[in-house]
Amino acid sequence: MVIRYPNGQSTTYDDGKKQKMQEKLIKPKTYANRGMRFEEAINESNLYYLNRKLAVIHKKPTPVQIVKVDYPRRSAAVIKEAYFREASTTDYNGVYQGQYIDFEAKETQNKTSFPFKNFHPHQIKHMEDCLEQAGLCFVLLWFSSLQRCFFLDSKCLVSQWHLQKETGKKSMTLTYIETNGIEIIPTIAPRIPYLKAVDQFLTMKENDEYGK
């Protein structure tokens, strides 16, 4: 099966491999899809919040255009070629206590820094657009080797992203994230209690204490 991307590139998959149809569509070998377990934990947390009427936050669907489908059997369909119709923005958005929320979830195996290559220019631009409209925009960063999770305001990420040209640095240090972010301790339910970090951020922002 061939998947075509908005930039004109394509990825070909071996139809002989036993993979789920969904995985064939959205799992090319990139850093963008390496943190699926982390995303599953966030999805479960969103469901926890929704069921308790605390917030309405969902993962954004990725628009995929199916081009070619084969029917080897009447009861089965095999997607042979598809492409992403447009570049994705961030992973999640919704409403929490009257506040628009928009955030990205990323994972790294690094122990001392978080690579900028995990983010894409169009995602940074989207965060800037949300911030201009006074939306609450942030990233959830998961250090899988350390089993540590952080909330980081998108303003911090955007600022560090643009400093790449001046400093030549290709990542944010863990020390920077510890200083400017809020650590989230995973629990049983919700698994990633990020709304606690949101509450803490809003309180600190109101008191002009965030990042100090």
Protein backbone atom coordinates (compact mmCIF):
# COMPACT_ATOMS: atom_id res chain seq x y z
CA MET A 1 0.00 0.00 0.00
CA VAL A 2 1.19 3.52 -0.79
CA ILE A 3 0.49 6.48 1.50
CA ARG A 4 1.08 9.93 0.04
CA TYR A 5 1.86 13.00 2.17
CA PRO A 6 1.05 16.70 1.54
CA ASN A 7 4.72 17.42 0.74
CA GLY A 8 4.63 14.97 -2.18
CA GLN A 9 6.56 12.17 -0.47
CA SER A 10 5.12 8.67 -0.29
CA THR A 11 5.60 5.54 1.79
CA THR A 12 5.11 2.01 0.47
CA TYR A 13 4.07 -0.83 2.77
CA ASP A 14 4.45 -4.57 2.28
CA ASP A 15 0.95 -5.97 1.93
CA GLY A 16 2.24 -9.34 3.07
CA LYS A 17 2.82 -8.11 6.58
CA LYS A 18 -0.02 -8.76 8.96
CA GLN A 19 -0.89 -5.29 10.16
CA LYS A 20 -4.14 -3.71 11.08
CA MET A 21 -5.66 -1.52 8.40
CA GLN A 22 -5.63 1.44 10.77
CA GLU A 23 -1.94 1.03 11.50
CA LYS A 24 -1.14 0.97 7.78
CA LEU A 25 -2.78 4.35 7.37
CA ILE A 26 -1.32 6.29 10.30
CA LYS A 27 1.92 4.58 11.33
CA PRO A 28 4.77 5.47 8.99
CA LYS A 29 8.18 5.11 10.60
CA THR A 30 8.54 8.58 12.09
CA TYR A 31 9.11 10.04 15.52
CA ALA A 32 5.59 11.44 15.41
CA ASN A 33 3.97 8.08 16.19
CA ARG A 34 6.47 6.65 18.66
CA GLY A 35 4.47 7.62 21.75
CA MET A 36 1.26 5.70 21.14
CA ARG A 37 1.09 4.34 24.70
CA PHE A 38 1.45 7.86 26.05
CA GLU A 39 -1.38 8.97 23.79
CA GLU A 40 -3.51 6.05 24.96
CA ALA A 41 -3.00 7.20 28.55
CA ILE A 42 -4.08 10.73 27.59
CA ASN A 43 -7.11 9.40 25.71
CA GLU A 44 -8.17 7.43 28.79
CA SER A 45 -7.66 10.53 30.91
CA ASN A 46 -9.84 12.56 28.54
CA LEU A 47 -12.58 9.94 28.83
CA TYR A 48 -12.27 10.11 32.63
CA TYR A 49 -12.71 13.88 32.53
CA LEU A 50 -15.62 13.65 30.08
CA ASN A 51 -17.53 11.02 32.08
CA ARG A 52 -17.24 13.20 35.20
CA LYS A 53 -18.23 16.34 33.30
CA LEU A 54 -14.94 18.03 34.16
CA ALA A 55 -13.87 18.85 30.60
CA VAL A 56 -14.64 18.04 26.96
CA ILE A 57 -11.35 17.30 25.24
CA HIS A 58 -10.83 15.01 22.26
CA LYS A 59 -8.04 13.85 20.00
CA LYS A 60 -8.25 15.49 16.61
CA PRO A 61 -8.89 13.08 13.71
CA THR A 62 -6.29 12.92 10.96
CA PRO A 63 -7.94 13.47 7.54
CA VAL A 64 -7.00 10.60 5.23
CA GLN A 65 -8.02 10.27 1.59
CA ILE A 66 -8.34 6.67 0.38
CA VAL A 67 -7.32 6.32 -3.26
CA LYS A 68 -7.29 2.60 -4.02
CA VAL A 69 -9.04 -0.34 -2.36
CA ASP A 70 -8.86 -4.03 -3.27
CA TYR A 71 -11.51 -6.58 -2.32
CA PRO A 72 -9.83 -10.02 -2.13
CA ARG A 73 -12.99 -11.33 -0.48
CA ARG A 74 -16.52 -10.04 -0.27
CA SER A 75 -16.20 -9.64 3.49
CA ALA A 76 -12.80 -7.94 3.40
CA ALA A 77 -11.30 -4.78 1.99
CA VAL A 78 -7.59 -3.98 1.70
CA ILE A 79 -6.50 -0.36 1.35
CA LYS A 80 -3.72 -0.26 -1.25
CA GLU A 81 -3.09 3.47 -1.48
CA ALA A 82 -3.99 6.50 0.64
CA TYR A 83 -2.64 9.90 1.57
CA PHE A 84 -2.99 12.51 4.27
CA ARG A 85 -5.08 15.34 2.83
CA GLU A 86 -3.42 18.04 4.96
CA ALA A 87 -0.72 18.48 7.58
CA SER A 88 -1.89 17.89 11.13
CA THR A 89 -1.78 20.66 13.74
CA THR A 90 -1.83 19.56 17.37
CA ASP A 91 -3.15 16.36 18.91
CA TYR A 92 -5.95 17.55 21.19
CA ASN A 93 -8.40 20.38 21.73
CA GLY A 94 -11.54 21.11 23.69
CA VAL A 95 -13.07 23.17 26.48
CA TYR A 96 -12.27 23.31 30.19
CA GLN A 97 -14.19 25.64 32.50
CA GLY A 98 -14.99 28.02 29.64
CA GLN A 99 -11.38 28.05 28.42
CA TYR A 100 -10.38 26.81 24.97
CA ILE A 101 -7.61 24.21 25.31
CA ASP A 102 -5.26 23.08 22.56
CA PHE A 103 -2.25 20.87 23.14
CA GLU A 104 0.29 18.48 21.67
CA ALA A 105 1.62 15.29 23.29
CA LYS A 106 5.18 14.20 22.58
CA GLU A 107 7.53 11.50 23.84
CA THR A 108 11.29 11.02 23.89
CA GLN A 109 13.66 8.32 25.07
CA ASN A 110 16.30 10.95 25.87
CA LYS A 111 17.15 11.45 29.52
CA THR A 112 18.59 14.97 29.53
CA SER A 113 16.78 16.89 26.79
CA PHE A 114 13.75 16.99 24.49
CA PRO A 115 14.57 17.18 20.72
CA PHE A 116 13.01 19.92 18.63
CA LYS A 117 12.78 17.47 15.73
CA ASN A 118 9.77 15.95 17.50
CA PHE A 119 7.87 19.09 16.51
CA HIS A 120 7.07 20.44 13.05
CA PRO A 121 7.00 24.06 11.83
CA HIS A 122 3.27 23.93 11.04
CA GLN A 123 2.58 22.79 14.61
CA ILE A 124 4.58 25.69 16.03
CA LYS A 125 2.68 28.08 13.74
CA HIS A 126 -0.63 26.62 14.93
CA MET A 127 0.38 27.13 18.57
CA GLU A 128 1.31 30.74 17.84
CA ASP A 129 -2.08 31.28 16.21
CA CYS A 130 -3.88 29.83 19.24
CA LEU A 131 -1.86 31.97 21.64
CA GLU A 132 -2.72 35.09 19.65
CA GLN A 133 -6.41 34.28 20.24
CA ALA A 134 -5.81 33.92 24.01
CA GLY A 135 -6.29 30.15 23.90
CA LEU A 136 -4.68 27.92 26.49
CA CYS A 137 -2.04 26.15 24.44
CA PHE A 138 0.59 23.79 25.84
CA VAL A 139 2.54 20.57 25.31
CA LEU A 140 2.67 17.41 27.39
CA LEU A 141 6.19 15.99 27.33
CA TRP A 142 6.87 12.37 28.29
CA PHE A 143 10.40 11.19 29.08
CA SER A 144 9.85 7.43 28.67
CA SER A 145 13.27 6.40 30.00
CA LEU A 146 12.72 8.47 33.15
CA GLN A 147 8.98 7.85 33.40
CA ARG A 148 8.44 11.57 33.92
CA CYS A 149 5.76 13.80 32.43
CA PHE A 150 5.70 17.59 32.15
CA PHE A 151 3.25 20.35 31.25
CA LEU A 152 4.96 23.17 29.33
CA ASP A 153 3.28 26.35 28.18
CA SER A 154 3.50 26.72 24.40
CA LYS A 155 5.01 30.18 24.82
CA CYS A 156 8.10 28.52 26.28
CA LEU A 157 8.29 25.98 23.47
CA VAL A 158 7.79 28.59 20.75
CA SER A 159 10.44 30.83 22.29
CA GLN A 160 12.98 28.01 22.49
CA TRP A 161 12.10 26.83 18.98
CA HIS A 162 12.90 30.21 17.44
CA LEU A 163 16.15 30.46 19.40
CA GLN A 164 17.51 27.49 17.43
CA LYS A 165 18.74 29.81 14.69
CA GLU A 166 20.74 31.87 17.19
CA THR A 167 22.02 29.18 19.52
CA GLY A 168 22.24 26.18 17.19
CA LYS A 169 20.73 24.02 19.92
CA LYS A 170 18.56 21.16 18.71
CA SER A 171 16.72 20.45 21.94
CA MET A 172 15.35 21.81 25.21
CA THR A 173 17.26 20.66 28.25
CA LEU A 174 15.50 18.73 30.98
CA THR A 175 16.68 21.42 33.39
CA TYR A 176 14.86 24.08 31.34
CA ILE A 177 11.68 21.99 31.31
CA GLU A 178 11.90 21.33 35.06
CA THR A 179 12.34 25.06 35.69
CA ASN A 180 9.70 26.36 33.30
CA GLY A 181 7.23 23.49 33.28
CA ILE A 182 5.03 21.66 35.76
CA GLU A 183 5.67 18.00 36.48
CA ILE A 184 2.68 15.68 36.27
CA ILE A 185 2.71 12.54 38.40
CA PRO A 186 0.82 9.68 36.67
CA THR A 187 -1.97 8.07 38.70
CA ILE A 188 -4.42 5.21 38.31
CA ALA A 189 -7.34 7.45 37.31
CA PRO A 190 -6.89 9.64 35.45
CA ARG A 191 -3.63 8.14 34.20
CA ILE A 192 -2.23 11.53 33.17
CA PRO A 193 -3.90 14.11 35.47
CA TYR A 194 -2.89 17.05 33.34
CA LEU A 195 -5.85 19.23 34.39
CA LYS A 196 -4.18 19.60 37.78
CA ALA A 197 -1.22 21.12 35.97
CA VAL A 198 -3.59 23.34 33.97
CA ASP A 199 -5.16 24.58 37.21
CA GLN A 200 -1.73 25.21 38.71
CA PHE A 201 -0.60 27.03 35.57
CA LEU A 202 -3.67 29.28 35.52
CA THR A 203 -3.22 30.15 39.21
CA MET A 204 0.47 30.88 38.77
CA LYS A 205 -0.23 32.91 35.62
CA GLU A 206 -2.84 34.95 37.48
CA ASN A 207 -0.31 35.64 40.24
CA ASP A 208 2.50 36.22 37.71
CA GLU A 209 4.48 33.32 39.17
CA TYR A 210 4.77 30.90 36.25
CA GLY A 211 8.38 30.22 35.21
CA LYS A 212 9.81 31.97 38.26
